[in-house]
Amino acid sequence: MSQRKTYSKEFKEEAIRLAAQSGVTQVAQDLGIHPNMLYMWKRQSEQQKDTAFPGQGNATDPEMSKLQKENARLKEEIEILKKAAGIFLNRSGKDTQ
């Protein structure tokens, strides 16, 4: 039974780059691999990029929308506290005169 070939990450990345320039069929033939392997490597590479940096600003990213809502709530609380502090400062200033 023949052993399964393994390819380094660098080899796969270079193969994907070449396939984008010259076409999948040509690169697969030149490298002696099946074209489906290139498609599979490309898909895996894209999936790794998506999970490597979550929250890249995708409009549908649930974490991003949650953080934006929390940020808006905190800003509102700060404004309320500033107004309350101003009211208390004005009251205390009038009493001492």
C-alpha atoms as a PDB file:
ATOM      1  CA  MET A   1       0.000   0.000   0.000  1.00  0.00           C
ATOM      2  CA  SER A   2       1.422   3.392  -0.989  1.00  0.00           C
ATOM      3  CA  GLN A   3       1.823   6.064   1.612  1.00  0.00           C
ATOM      4  CA  ARG A   4      -0.204   9.245   1.365  1.00  0.00           C
ATOM      5  CA  LYS A   5       1.729  12.337   0.270  1.00  0.00           C
ATOM      6  CA  THR A   6       1.796  15.325   2.553  1.00  0.00           C
ATOM      7  CA  TYR A   7       2.521  18.873   1.450  1.00  0.00           C
ATOM      8  CA  SER A   8       3.889  21.747   3.478  1.00  0.00           C
ATOM      9  CA  LYS A   9       1.845  24.848   4.189  1.00  0.00           C
ATOM     10  CA  GLU A  10       4.223  26.919   2.074  1.00  0.00           C
ATOM     11  CA  PHE A  11       3.807  24.546  -0.885  1.00  0.00           C
ATOM     12  CA  LYS A  12       0.019  24.779  -0.633  1.00  0.00           C
ATOM     13  CA  GLU A  13       0.063  28.583  -0.391  1.00  0.00           C
ATOM     14  CA  GLU A  14       2.353  28.857  -3.410  1.00  0.00           C
ATOM     15  CA  ALA A  15       0.188  26.432  -5.382  1.00  0.00           C
ATOM     16  CA  ILE A  16      -2.920  28.494  -4.570  1.00  0.00           C
ATOM     17  CA  ARG A  17      -1.146  31.695  -5.624  1.00  0.00           C
ATOM     18  CA  LEU A  18      -0.001  30.134  -8.891  1.00  0.00           C
ATOM     19  CA  ALA A  19      -3.491  28.756  -9.561  1.00  0.00           C
ATOM     20  CA  ALA A  20      -4.933  32.245  -9.204  1.00  0.00           C
ATOM     21  CA  GLN A  21      -2.483  33.514 -11.827  1.00  0.00           C
ATOM     22  CA  SER A  22      -2.262  30.646 -14.326  1.00  0.00           C
ATOM     23  CA  GLY A  23      -5.401  28.615 -13.745  1.00  0.00           C
ATOM     24  CA  VAL A  24      -6.114  25.617 -11.586  1.00  0.00           C
ATOM     25  CA  THR A  25      -5.902  22.979 -14.311  1.00  0.00           C
ATOM     26  CA  GLN A  26      -2.509  24.108 -15.589  1.00  0.00           C
ATOM     27  CA  VAL A  27      -0.932  24.413 -12.118  1.00  0.00           C
ATOM     28  CA  ALA A  28      -2.329  21.052 -10.997  1.00  0.00           C
ATOM     29  CA  GLN A  29      -0.909  19.400 -14.090  1.00  0.00           C
ATOM     30  CA  ASP A  30       2.489  21.085 -13.604  1.00  0.00           C
ATOM     31  CA  LEU A  31       2.642  20.038  -9.942  1.00  0.00           C
ATOM     32  CA  GLY A  32       1.349  16.535 -10.579  1.00  0.00           C
ATOM     33  CA  ILE A  33      -1.660  16.821  -8.322  1.00  0.00           C
ATOM     34  CA  HIS A  34      -5.399  16.601  -8.891  1.00  0.00           C
ATOM     35  CA  PRO A  35      -7.160  19.940  -9.486  1.00  0.00           C
ATOM     36  CA  ASN A  36      -9.616  19.157  -6.685  1.00  0.00           C
ATOM     37  CA  MET A  37      -6.718  19.308  -4.219  1.00  0.00           C
ATOM     38  CA  LEU A  38      -6.084  22.923  -5.186  1.00  0.00           C
ATOM     39  CA  TYR A  39      -9.749  23.795  -4.706  1.00  0.00           C
ATOM     40  CA  MET A  40      -9.723  22.052  -1.334  1.00  0.00           C
ATOM     41  CA  TRP A  41      -6.546  23.870  -0.223  1.00  0.00           C
ATOM     42  CA  LYS A  42      -8.004  27.195  -1.328  1.00  0.00           C
ATOM     43  CA  ARG A  43     -11.218  26.582   0.634  1.00  0.00           C
ATOM     44  CA  GLN A  44      -9.249  25.566   3.739  1.00  0.00           C
ATOM     45  CA  SER A  45      -7.055  28.638   3.441  1.00  0.00           C
ATOM     46  CA  GLU A  46     -10.093  30.919   3.232  1.00  0.00           C
ATOM     47  CA  GLN A  47     -11.693  29.251   6.243  1.00  0.00           C
ATOM     48  CA  GLN A  48      -8.517  29.698   8.291  1.00  0.00           C
ATOM     49  CA  LYS A  49      -8.378  33.382   7.377  1.00  0.00           C
ATOM     50  CA  ASP A  50     -12.012  33.832   8.443  1.00  0.00           C
ATOM     51  CA  THR A  51     -11.420  32.257  11.846  1.00  0.00           C
ATOM     52  CA  ALA A  52      -7.977  33.770  12.427  1.00  0.00           C
ATOM     53  CA  PHE A  53      -9.276  37.271  13.092  1.00  0.00           C
ATOM     54  CA  PRO A  54     -12.897  37.244  14.202  1.00  0.00           C
ATOM     55  CA  GLY A  55     -14.722  40.538  14.305  1.00  0.00           C
ATOM     56  CA  GLN A  56     -13.151  42.082  11.234  1.00  0.00           C
ATOM     57  CA  GLY A  57     -16.087  44.423  10.861  1.00  0.00           C
ATOM     58  CA  ASN A  58     -18.435  42.125   9.023  1.00  0.00           C
ATOM     59  CA  ALA A  59     -21.886  43.696   9.244  1.00  0.00           C
ATOM     60  CA  THR A  60     -23.386  40.377  10.290  1.00  0.00           C
ATOM     61  CA  ASP A  61     -20.784  39.682  12.949  1.00  0.00           C
ATOM     62  CA  PRO A  62     -22.810  39.156  16.154  1.00  0.00           C
ATOM     63  CA  GLU A  63     -19.912  40.054  18.443  1.00  0.00           C
ATOM     64  CA  MET A  64     -19.382  43.363  16.644  1.00  0.00           C
ATOM     65  CA  SER A  65     -23.045  44.356  16.876  1.00  0.00           C
ATOM     66  CA  LYS A  66     -23.121  43.386  20.562  1.00  0.00           C
ATOM     67  CA  LEU A  67     -20.076  45.561  21.267  1.00  0.00           C
ATOM     68  CA  GLN A  68     -21.556  48.476  19.326  1.00  0.00           C
ATOM     69  CA  LYS A  69     -24.765  48.294  21.378  1.00  0.00           C
ATOM     70  CA  GLU A  70     -22.803  48.140  24.616  1.00  0.00           C
ATOM     71  CA  ASN A  71     -20.654  51.085  23.523  1.00  0.00           C
ATOM     72  CA  ALA A  72     -23.765  53.170  22.757  1.00  0.00           C
ATOM     73  CA  ARG A  73     -25.277  52.283  26.154  1.00  0.00           C
ATOM     74  CA  LEU A  74     -22.100  53.257  27.984  1.00  0.00           C
ATOM     75  CA  LYS A  75     -21.887  56.577  26.143  1.00  0.00           C
ATOM     76  CA  GLU A  76     -25.477  57.304  27.143  1.00  0.00           C
ATOM     77  CA  GLU A  77     -24.698  56.497  30.780  1.00  0.00           C
ATOM     78  CA  ILE A  78     -21.706  58.843  30.712  1.00  0.00           C
ATOM     79  CA  GLU A  79     -23.856  61.688  29.389  1.00  0.00           C
ATOM     80  CA  ILE A  80     -26.440  61.088  32.123  1.00  0.00           C
ATOM     81  CA  LEU A  81     -23.740  61.112  34.797  1.00  0.00           C
ATOM     82  CA  LYS A  82     -22.239  64.339  33.408  1.00  0.00           C
ATOM     83  CA  LYS A  83     -25.657  66.025  33.537  1.00  0.00           C
ATOM     84  CA  ALA A  84     -26.270  64.769  37.089  1.00  0.00           C
ATOM     85  CA  ALA A  85     -22.856  66.000  38.216  1.00  0.00           C
ATOM     86  CA  GLY A  86     -23.573  69.391  36.668  1.00  0.00           C
ATOM     87  CA  ILE A  87     -26.919  69.626  38.467  1.00  0.00           C
ATOM     88  CA  PHE A  88     -25.379  68.740  41.839  1.00  0.00           C
ATOM     89  CA  LEU A  89     -22.531  71.215  41.327  1.00  0.00           C
ATOM     90  CA  ASN A  90     -24.979  73.992  40.496  1.00  0.00           C
ATOM     91  CA  ARG A  91     -27.115  73.243  43.583  1.00  0.00           C
ATOM     92  CA  SER A  92     -24.137  73.137  45.910  1.00  0.00           C
ATOM     93  CA  GLY A  93     -22.762  76.376  44.447  1.00  0.00           C
ATOM     94  CA  LYS A  94     -26.046  78.262  45.067  1.00  0.00           C
ATOM     95  CA  ASP A  95     -26.302  77.114  48.700  1.00  0.00           C
ATOM     96  CA  THR A  96     -22.872  78.476  49.677  1.00  0.00           C
ATOM     97  CA  GLN A  97     -23.473  82.039  48.368  1.00  0.00           C
END
